[in-house]
PDB file of all heavy atoms in Angstrom:
ATOM      1  N   MET A   1      12.040   4.058  17.847  1.00  0.00           N
ATOM      2  CA  MET A   1      11.005   3.160  17.501  1.00  0.00           C
ATOM      3  C   MET A   1      10.218   3.466  16.190  1.00  0.00           C
ATOM      4  O   MET A   1       9.931   2.768  15.372  1.00  0.00           O
ATOM      5  CB  MET A   1      10.123   2.765  18.564  1.00  0.00           C
ATOM      6  CG  MET A   1       9.107   1.642  18.168  1.00  0.00           C
ATOM      7  SD  MET A   1       7.994   1.345  19.629  1.00  0.00           S
ATOM      8  CE  MET A   1       6.845   2.742  19.476  1.00  0.00           C
ATOM      9  N   ALA A   2       9.967   4.852  16.074  1.00  0.00           N
ATOM     10  CA  ALA A   2       9.221   5.318  15.075  1.00  0.00           C
ATOM     11  C   ALA A   2       9.889   5.316  13.741  1.00  0.00           C
ATOM     12  O   ALA A   2       9.343   4.795  12.730  1.00  0.00           O
ATOM     13  CB  ALA A   2       8.846   6.924  15.251  1.00  0.00           C
ATOM     14  N   ARG A   3      11.195   5.424  13.707  1.00  0.00           N
ATOM     15  CA  ARG A   3      11.972   5.237  12.597  1.00  0.00           C
ATOM     16  C   ARG A   3      12.081   3.805  12.101  1.00  0.00           C
ATOM     17  O   ARG A   3      12.101   3.460  10.971  1.00  0.00           O
ATOM     18  CB  ARG A   3      13.468   5.671  12.842  1.00  0.00           C
ATOM     19  CG  ARG A   3      13.637   7.292  12.854  1.00  0.00           C
ATOM     20  CD  ARG A   3      15.114   7.744  12.729  1.00  0.00           C
ATOM     21  NE  ARG A   3      15.202   9.187  12.986  1.00  0.00           N
ATOM     22  CZ  ARG A   3      15.422   9.755  14.113  1.00  0.00           C
ATOM     23  NH1 ARG A   3      15.632   8.833  15.277  1.00  0.00           N
ATOM     24  NH2 ARG A   3      15.408  10.989  14.279  1.00  0.00           N
ATOM     25  N   GLN A   4      12.183   2.912  13.089  1.00  0.00           N
ATOM     26  CA  GLN A   4      12.331   1.467  12.830  1.00  0.00           C
ATOM     27  C   GLN A   4      11.016   0.842  12.193  1.00  0.00           C
ATOM     28  O   GLN A   4      11.053   0.002  11.399  1.00  0.00           O
ATOM     29  CB  GLN A   4      12.665   0.686  14.142  1.00  0.00           C
ATOM     30  CG  GLN A   4      14.172   0.925  14.585  1.00  0.00           C
ATOM     31  CD  GLN A   4      14.345   0.264  16.025  1.00  0.00           C
ATOM     32  OE1 GLN A   4      13.507  -0.109  16.678  1.00  0.00           O
ATOM     33  NE2 GLN A   4      15.630   0.334  16.351  1.00  0.00           N
ATOM     34  N   ILE A   5       9.878   1.402  12.599  1.00  0.00           N
ATOM     35  CA  ILE A   5       8.696   0.763  12.074  1.00  0.00           C
ATOM     36  C   ILE A   5       8.007   1.541  10.843  1.00  0.00           C
ATOM     37  O   ILE A   5       7.137   1.090  10.293  1.00  0.00           O
ATOM     38  CB  ILE A   5       7.606   0.678  13.178  1.00  0.00           C
ATOM     39  CG1 ILE A   5       7.202   2.067  13.716  1.00  0.00           C
ATOM     40  CG2 ILE A   5       8.020  -0.149  14.330  1.00  0.00           C
ATOM     41  CD1 ILE A   5       5.906   2.111  14.658  1.00  0.00           C
ATOM     42  N   SER A   6       8.519   2.762  10.709  1.00  0.00           N
ATOM     43  CA  SER A   6       7.913   3.592   9.680  1.00  0.00           C
ATOM     44  C   SER A   6       8.092   3.064   8.209  1.00  0.00           C
ATOM     45  O   SER A   6       7.215   3.197   7.326  1.00  0.00           O
ATOM     46  CB  SER A   6       8.567   5.048   9.731  1.00  0.00           C
ATOM     47  OG  SER A   6       9.872   5.050   9.570  1.00  0.00           O
ATOM     48  N   GLY A   7       9.321   2.443   8.022  1.00  0.00           N
ATOM     49  CA  GLY A   7       9.475   1.829   6.570  1.00  0.00           C
ATOM     50  C   GLY A   7       8.371   0.808   6.400  1.00  0.00           C
ATOM     51  O   GLY A   7       7.852   0.726   5.178  1.00  0.00           O
ATOM     52  N   GLY A   8       8.169  -0.120   7.225  1.00  0.00           N
ATOM     53  CA  GLY A   8       7.168  -1.152   7.086  1.00  0.00           C
ATOM     54  C   GLY A   8       5.732  -0.620   6.951  1.00  0.00           C
ATOM     55  O   GLY A   8       4.944  -1.073   6.074  1.00  0.00           O
ATOM     56  N   ILE A   9       5.438   0.450   7.830  1.00  0.00           N
ATOM     57  CA  ILE A   9       4.132   1.002   7.724  1.00  0.00           C
ATOM     58  C   ILE A   9       3.901   1.577   6.380  1.00  0.00           C
ATOM     59  O   ILE A   9       2.737   1.539   5.851  1.00  0.00           O
ATOM     60  CB  ILE A   9       4.014   1.998   8.893  1.00  0.00           C
ATOM     61  CG1 ILE A   9       3.969   1.312  10.145  1.00  0.00           C
ATOM     62  CG2 ILE A   9       2.603   2.838   8.650  1.00  0.00           C
ATOM     63  CD1 ILE A   9       3.873   2.281  11.425  1.00  0.00           C
ATOM     64  N   LEU A  10       4.862   2.363   5.966  1.00  0.00           N
ATOM     65  CA  LEU A  10       4.805   3.031   4.601  1.00  0.00           C
ATOM     66  C   LEU A  10       4.423   2.110   3.397  1.00  0.00           C
ATOM     67  O   LEU A  10       3.535   2.174   2.684  1.00  0.00           O
ATOM     68  CB  LEU A  10       6.103   3.814   4.363  1.00  0.00           C
ATOM     69  CG  LEU A  10       6.206   4.371   2.922  1.00  0.00           C
ATOM     70  CD1 LEU A  10       5.242   5.468   2.650  1.00  0.00           C
ATOM     71  CD2 LEU A  10       7.623   4.932   2.676  1.00  0.00           C
ATOM     72  N   TRP A  11       5.138   0.951   3.440  1.00  0.00           N
ATOM     73  CA  TRP A  11       5.027   0.000   2.439  1.00  0.00           C
ATOM     74  C   TRP A  11       3.690  -0.848   2.576  1.00  0.00           C
ATOM     75  O   TRP A  11       3.051  -1.231   1.585  1.00  0.00           O
ATOM     76  CB  TRP A  11       6.111  -0.932   2.270  1.00  0.00           C
ATOM     77  CG  TRP A  11       7.457  -0.243   1.574  1.00  0.00           C
ATOM     78  CD1 TRP A  11       8.470   0.121   2.131  1.00  0.00           C
ATOM     79  CD2 TRP A  11       7.407   0.307   0.252  1.00  0.00           C
ATOM     80  NE1 TRP A  11       9.329   0.741   1.291  1.00  0.00           N
ATOM     81  CE2 TRP A  11       8.731   0.818   0.044  1.00  0.00           C
ATOM     82  CE3 TRP A  11       6.595   0.209  -0.946  1.00  0.00           C
ATOM     83  CZ2 TRP A  11       9.130   1.364  -1.137  1.00  0.00           C
ATOM     84  CZ3 TRP A  11       6.975   0.793  -2.063  1.00  0.00           C
ATOM     85  CH2 TRP A  11       8.203   1.404  -2.155  1.00  0.00           C
ATOM     86  N   VAL A  12       3.298  -1.112   3.723  1.00  0.00           N
ATOM     87  CA  VAL A  12       2.048  -1.764   4.049  1.00  0.00           C
ATOM     88  C   VAL A  12       0.911  -0.845   3.507  1.00  0.00           C
ATOM     89  O   VAL A  12      -0.064  -1.320   2.841  1.00  0.00           O
ATOM     90  CB  VAL A  12       1.867  -2.130   5.447  1.00  0.00           C
ATOM     91  CG1 VAL A  12       0.444  -2.518   5.670  1.00  0.00           C
ATOM     92  CG2 VAL A  12       2.726  -3.205   5.832  1.00  0.00           C
ATOM     93  N   ALA A  13       0.989   0.381   3.735  1.00  0.00           N
ATOM     94  CA  ALA A  13      -0.072   1.318   3.251  1.00  0.00           C
ATOM     95  C   ALA A  13      -0.189   1.473   1.796  1.00  0.00           C
ATOM     96  O   ALA A  13      -1.266   1.357   1.195  1.00  0.00           O
ATOM     97  CB  ALA A  13       0.215   2.773   3.917  1.00  0.00           C
ATOM     98  N   LEU A  14       0.989   1.432   1.134  1.00  0.00           N
ATOM     99  CA  LEU A  14       1.086   1.540  -0.347  1.00  0.00           C
ATOM    100  C   LEU A  14       0.577   0.181  -0.979  1.00  0.00           C
ATOM    101  O   LEU A  14       0.033   0.288  -2.030  1.00  0.00           O
ATOM    102  CB  LEU A  14       2.481   1.898  -0.864  1.00  0.00           C
ATOM    103  CG  LEU A  14       2.903   3.338  -0.399  1.00  0.00           C
ATOM    104  CD1 LEU A  14       4.436   3.518  -0.882  1.00  0.00           C
ATOM    105  CD2 LEU A  14       2.065   4.394  -1.152  1.00  0.00           C
ATOM    106  N   LEU A  15       0.962  -0.809  -0.354  1.00  0.00           N
ATOM    107  CA  LEU A  15       0.634  -2.257  -1.013  1.00  0.00           C
ATOM    108  C   LEU A  15      -0.972  -2.443  -0.900  1.00  0.00           C
ATOM    109  O   LEU A  15      -1.431  -2.644  -1.931  1.00  0.00           O
ATOM    110  CB  LEU A  15       1.246  -3.338  -0.102  1.00  0.00           C
ATOM    111  CG  LEU A  15       0.822  -4.792  -0.440  1.00  0.00           C
ATOM    112  CD1 LEU A  15       1.246  -5.152  -1.728  1.00  0.00           C
ATOM    113  CD2 LEU A  15       1.502  -5.694   0.540  1.00  0.00           C
ATOM    114  N   PHE A  16      -1.494  -2.189   0.127  1.00  0.00           N
ATOM    115  CA  PHE A  16      -2.925  -2.469   0.212  1.00  0.00           C
ATOM    116  C   PHE A  16      -3.779  -1.356  -0.441  1.00  0.00           C
ATOM    117  O   PHE A  16      -4.772  -1.609  -0.972  1.00  0.00           O
ATOM    118  CB  PHE A  16      -3.461  -2.512   1.700  1.00  0.00           C
ATOM    119  CG  PHE A  16      -3.105  -3.883   2.471  1.00  0.00           C
ATOM    120  CD1 PHE A  16      -1.907  -3.816   3.185  1.00  0.00           C
ATOM    121  CD2 PHE A  16      -3.829  -4.973   2.179  1.00  0.00           C
ATOM    122  CE1 PHE A  16      -1.528  -5.050   3.776  1.00  0.00           C
ATOM    123  CE2 PHE A  16      -3.530  -6.195   2.725  1.00  0.00           C
ATOM    124  CZ  PHE A  16      -2.334  -6.209   3.623  1.00  0.00           C
ATOM    125  N   ALA A  17      -3.144  -0.158  -0.510  1.00  0.00           N
ATOM    126  CA  ALA A  17      -3.740   0.892  -1.188  1.00  0.00           C
ATOM    127  C   ALA A  17      -3.844   0.612  -2.700  1.00  0.00           C
ATOM    128  O   ALA A  17      -4.772   0.865  -3.448  1.00  0.00           O
ATOM    129  CB  ALA A  17      -3.197   2.228  -1.032  1.00  0.00           C
ATOM    130  N   SER A  18      -2.747   0.190  -3.218  1.00  0.00           N
ATOM    131  CA  SER A  18      -2.596  -0.193  -4.663  1.00  0.00           C
ATOM    132  C   SER A  18      -3.463  -1.429  -4.953  1.00  0.00           C
ATOM    133  O   SER A  18      -4.007  -1.389  -6.105  1.00  0.00           O
ATOM    134  CB  SER A  18      -1.138  -0.404  -5.106  1.00  0.00           C
ATOM    135  OG  SER A  18      -0.642  -1.683  -4.314  1.00  0.00           O
ATOM    136  N   ILE A  19      -3.569  -2.272  -4.119  1.00  0.00           N
ATOM    137  CA  ILE A  19      -4.601  -3.395  -4.424  1.00  0.00           C
ATOM    138  C   ILE A  19      -6.019  -2.927  -4.706  1.00  0.00           C
ATOM    139  O   ILE A  19      -6.621  -3.485  -5.562  1.00  0.00           O
ATOM    140  CB  ILE A  19      -4.570  -4.397  -3.333  1.00  0.00           C
ATOM    141  CG1 ILE A  19      -3.239  -5.088  -3.247  1.00  0.00           C
ATOM    142  CG2 ILE A  19      -5.743  -5.418  -3.319  1.00  0.00           C
ATOM    143  CD1 ILE A  19      -3.123  -6.132  -2.058  1.00  0.00           C
ATOM    144  N   THR A  20      -6.349  -1.775  -4.023  1.00  0.00           N
ATOM    145  CA  THR A  20      -7.770  -1.385  -4.252  1.00  0.00           C
ATOM    146  C   THR A  20      -7.975  -0.747  -5.695  1.00  0.00           C
ATOM    147  O   THR A  20      -9.041  -0.773  -6.215  1.00  0.00           O
ATOM    148  CB  THR A  20      -8.045  -0.182  -3.293  1.00  0.00           C
ATOM    149  OG1 THR A  20      -7.135   0.769  -3.441  1.00  0.00           O
ATOM    150  CG2 THR A  20      -7.903  -0.711  -1.863  1.00  0.00           C
ATOM    151  N   ALA A  21      -6.819  -0.330  -6.324  1.00  0.00           N
ATOM    152  CA  ALA A  21      -6.953   0.297  -7.595  1.00  0.00           C
ATOM    153  C   ALA A  21      -6.583  -0.635  -8.778  1.00  0.00           C
ATOM    154  O   ALA A  21      -7.020  -0.497  -9.919  1.00  0.00           O
ATOM    155  CB  ALA A  21      -6.010   1.490  -7.674  1.00  0.00           C
ATOM    156  N   LEU A  22      -5.916  -1.724  -8.582  1.00  0.00           N
ATOM    157  CA  LEU A  22      -5.394  -2.608  -9.623  1.00  0.00           C
ATOM    158  C   LEU A  22      -6.554  -3.328 -10.275  1.00  0.00           C
ATOM    159  O   LEU A  22      -6.633  -3.395 -11.538  1.00  0.00           O
ATOM    160  CB  LEU A  22      -4.359  -3.562  -9.164  1.00  0.00           C
ATOM    161  CG  LEU A  22      -2.962  -2.846  -8.726  1.00  0.00           C
ATOM    162  CD1 LEU A  22      -2.110  -3.923  -7.942  1.00  0.00           C
ATOM    163  CD2 LEU A  22      -2.294  -2.470  -9.969  1.00  0.00           C
ATOM    164  N   ASN A  23      -7.531  -3.909  -9.475  1.00  0.00           N
ATOM    165  CA  ASN A  23      -8.636  -4.547 -10.152  1.00  0.00           C
ATOM    166  C   ASN A  23      -9.477  -3.598 -10.812  1.00  0.00           C
ATOM    167  O   ASN A  23      -9.905  -3.941 -11.971  1.00  0.00           O
ATOM    168  CB  ASN A  23      -9.429  -5.245  -8.949  1.00  0.00           C
ATOM    169  CG  ASN A  23      -8.944  -6.530  -8.682  1.00  0.00           C
ATOM    170  OD1 ASN A  23      -8.529  -7.426  -9.487  1.00  0.00           O
ATOM    171  ND2 ASN A  23      -9.063  -6.884  -7.373  1.00  0.00           N
ATOM    172  N   GLN A  24      -9.729  -2.456 -10.350  1.00  0.00           N
ATOM    173  CA  GLN A  24     -10.464  -1.310 -11.005  1.00  0.00           C
ATOM    174  C   GLN A  24      -9.973  -0.963 -12.406  1.00  0.00           C
ATOM    175  O   GLN A  24     -10.695  -0.719 -13.256  1.00  0.00           O
ATOM    176  CB  GLN A  24     -10.585  -0.222 -10.056  1.00  0.00           C
ATOM    177  CG  GLN A  24     -11.702   0.765 -10.519  1.00  0.00           C
ATOM    178  CD  GLN A  24     -11.854   1.914  -9.577  1.00  0.00           C
ATOM    179  OE1 GLN A  24     -11.138   2.010  -8.502  1.00  0.00           O
ATOM    180  NE2 GLN A  24     -12.744   2.832  -9.802  1.00  0.00           N
ATOM    181  N   SER A  25      -8.630  -1.099 -12.515  1.00  0.00           N
ATOM    182  CA  SER A  25      -7.981  -0.656 -13.860  1.00  0.00           C
ATOM    183  C   SER A  25      -8.360  -1.610 -14.957  1.00  0.00           C
ATOM    184  O   SER A  25      -8.550  -1.194 -16.157  1.00  0.00           O
ATOM    185  CB  SER A  25      -6.560  -0.543 -13.613  1.00  0.00           C
ATOM    186  OG  SER A  25      -5.979  -1.907 -13.375  1.00  0.00           O
ATOM    187  N   TRP A  26      -8.578  -2.908 -14.658  1.00  0.00           N
ATOM    188  CA  TRP A  26      -8.949  -3.868 -15.643  1.00  0.00           C
ATOM    189  C   TRP A  26     -10.425  -3.867 -15.775  1.00  0.00           C
ATOM    190  O   TRP A  26     -11.043  -4.158 -16.752  1.00  0.00           O
ATOM    191  CB  TRP A  26      -8.511  -5.219 -15.237  1.00  0.00           C
ATOM    192  CG  TRP A  26      -7.045  -5.319 -15.613  1.00  0.00           C
ATOM    193  CD1 TRP A  26      -6.020  -5.509 -14.718  1.00  0.00           C
ATOM    194  CD2 TRP A  26      -6.358  -5.445 -16.805  1.00  0.00           C
ATOM    195  NE1 TRP A  26      -4.797  -5.608 -15.350  1.00  0.00           N
ATOM    196  CE2 TRP A  26      -4.977  -5.534 -16.609  1.00  0.00           C
ATOM    197  CE3 TRP A  26      -6.814  -5.333 -18.278  1.00  0.00           C
ATOM    198  CZ2 TRP A  26      -4.085  -5.622 -17.803  1.00  0.00           C
ATOM    199  CZ3 TRP A  26      -5.920  -5.393 -19.270  1.00  0.00           C
ATOM    200  CH2 TRP A  26      -4.617  -5.498 -19.075  1.00  0.00           C
ATOM    201  N   THR A  27     -11.188  -3.464 -14.767  1.00  0.00           N
ATOM    202  CA  THR A  27     -12.773  -3.444 -14.807  1.00  0.00           C
ATOM    203  C   THR A  27     -13.155  -2.500 -15.943  1.00  0.00           C
ATOM    204  O   THR A  27     -14.059  -2.611 -16.632  1.00  0.00           O
ATOM    205  CB  THR A  27     -13.246  -3.103 -13.639  1.00  0.00           C
ATOM    206  OG1 THR A  27     -12.740  -4.009 -12.494  1.00  0.00           O
ATOM    207  CG2 THR A  27     -14.844  -3.164 -13.542  1.00  0.00           C
ATOM    208  N   ARG A  28     -12.393  -1.433 -16.053  1.00  0.00           N
ATOM    209  CA  ARG A  28     -12.660  -0.397 -17.115  1.00  0.00           C
ATOM    210  C   ARG A  28     -12.744  -1.044 -18.588  1.00  0.00           C
ATOM    211  O   ARG A  28     -13.358  -0.581 -19.375  1.00  0.00           O
ATOM    212  CB  ARG A  28     -11.714   0.768 -17.004  1.00  0.00           C
ATOM    213  CG  ARG A  28     -11.826   1.573 -15.869  1.00  0.00           C
ATOM    214  CD  ARG A  28     -10.640   2.562 -15.648  1.00  0.00           C
ATOM    215  NE  ARG A  28     -10.618   3.433 -14.526  1.00  0.00           N
ATOM    216  CZ  ARG A  28      -9.755   4.248 -14.094  1.00  0.00           C
ATOM    217  NH1 ARG A  28      -8.658   4.308 -14.753  1.00  0.00           N
ATOM    218  NH2 ARG A  28      -9.818   5.036 -13.019  1.00  0.00           N
TER     219      ARG A  28
END
């Protein structure tokens, strides 16, 4: 089960983490 869900968890973490930085890049 860990292998089956790990791909989704990885991309969810990267997706929401990147959103936090994308707005900030244009704020500069």
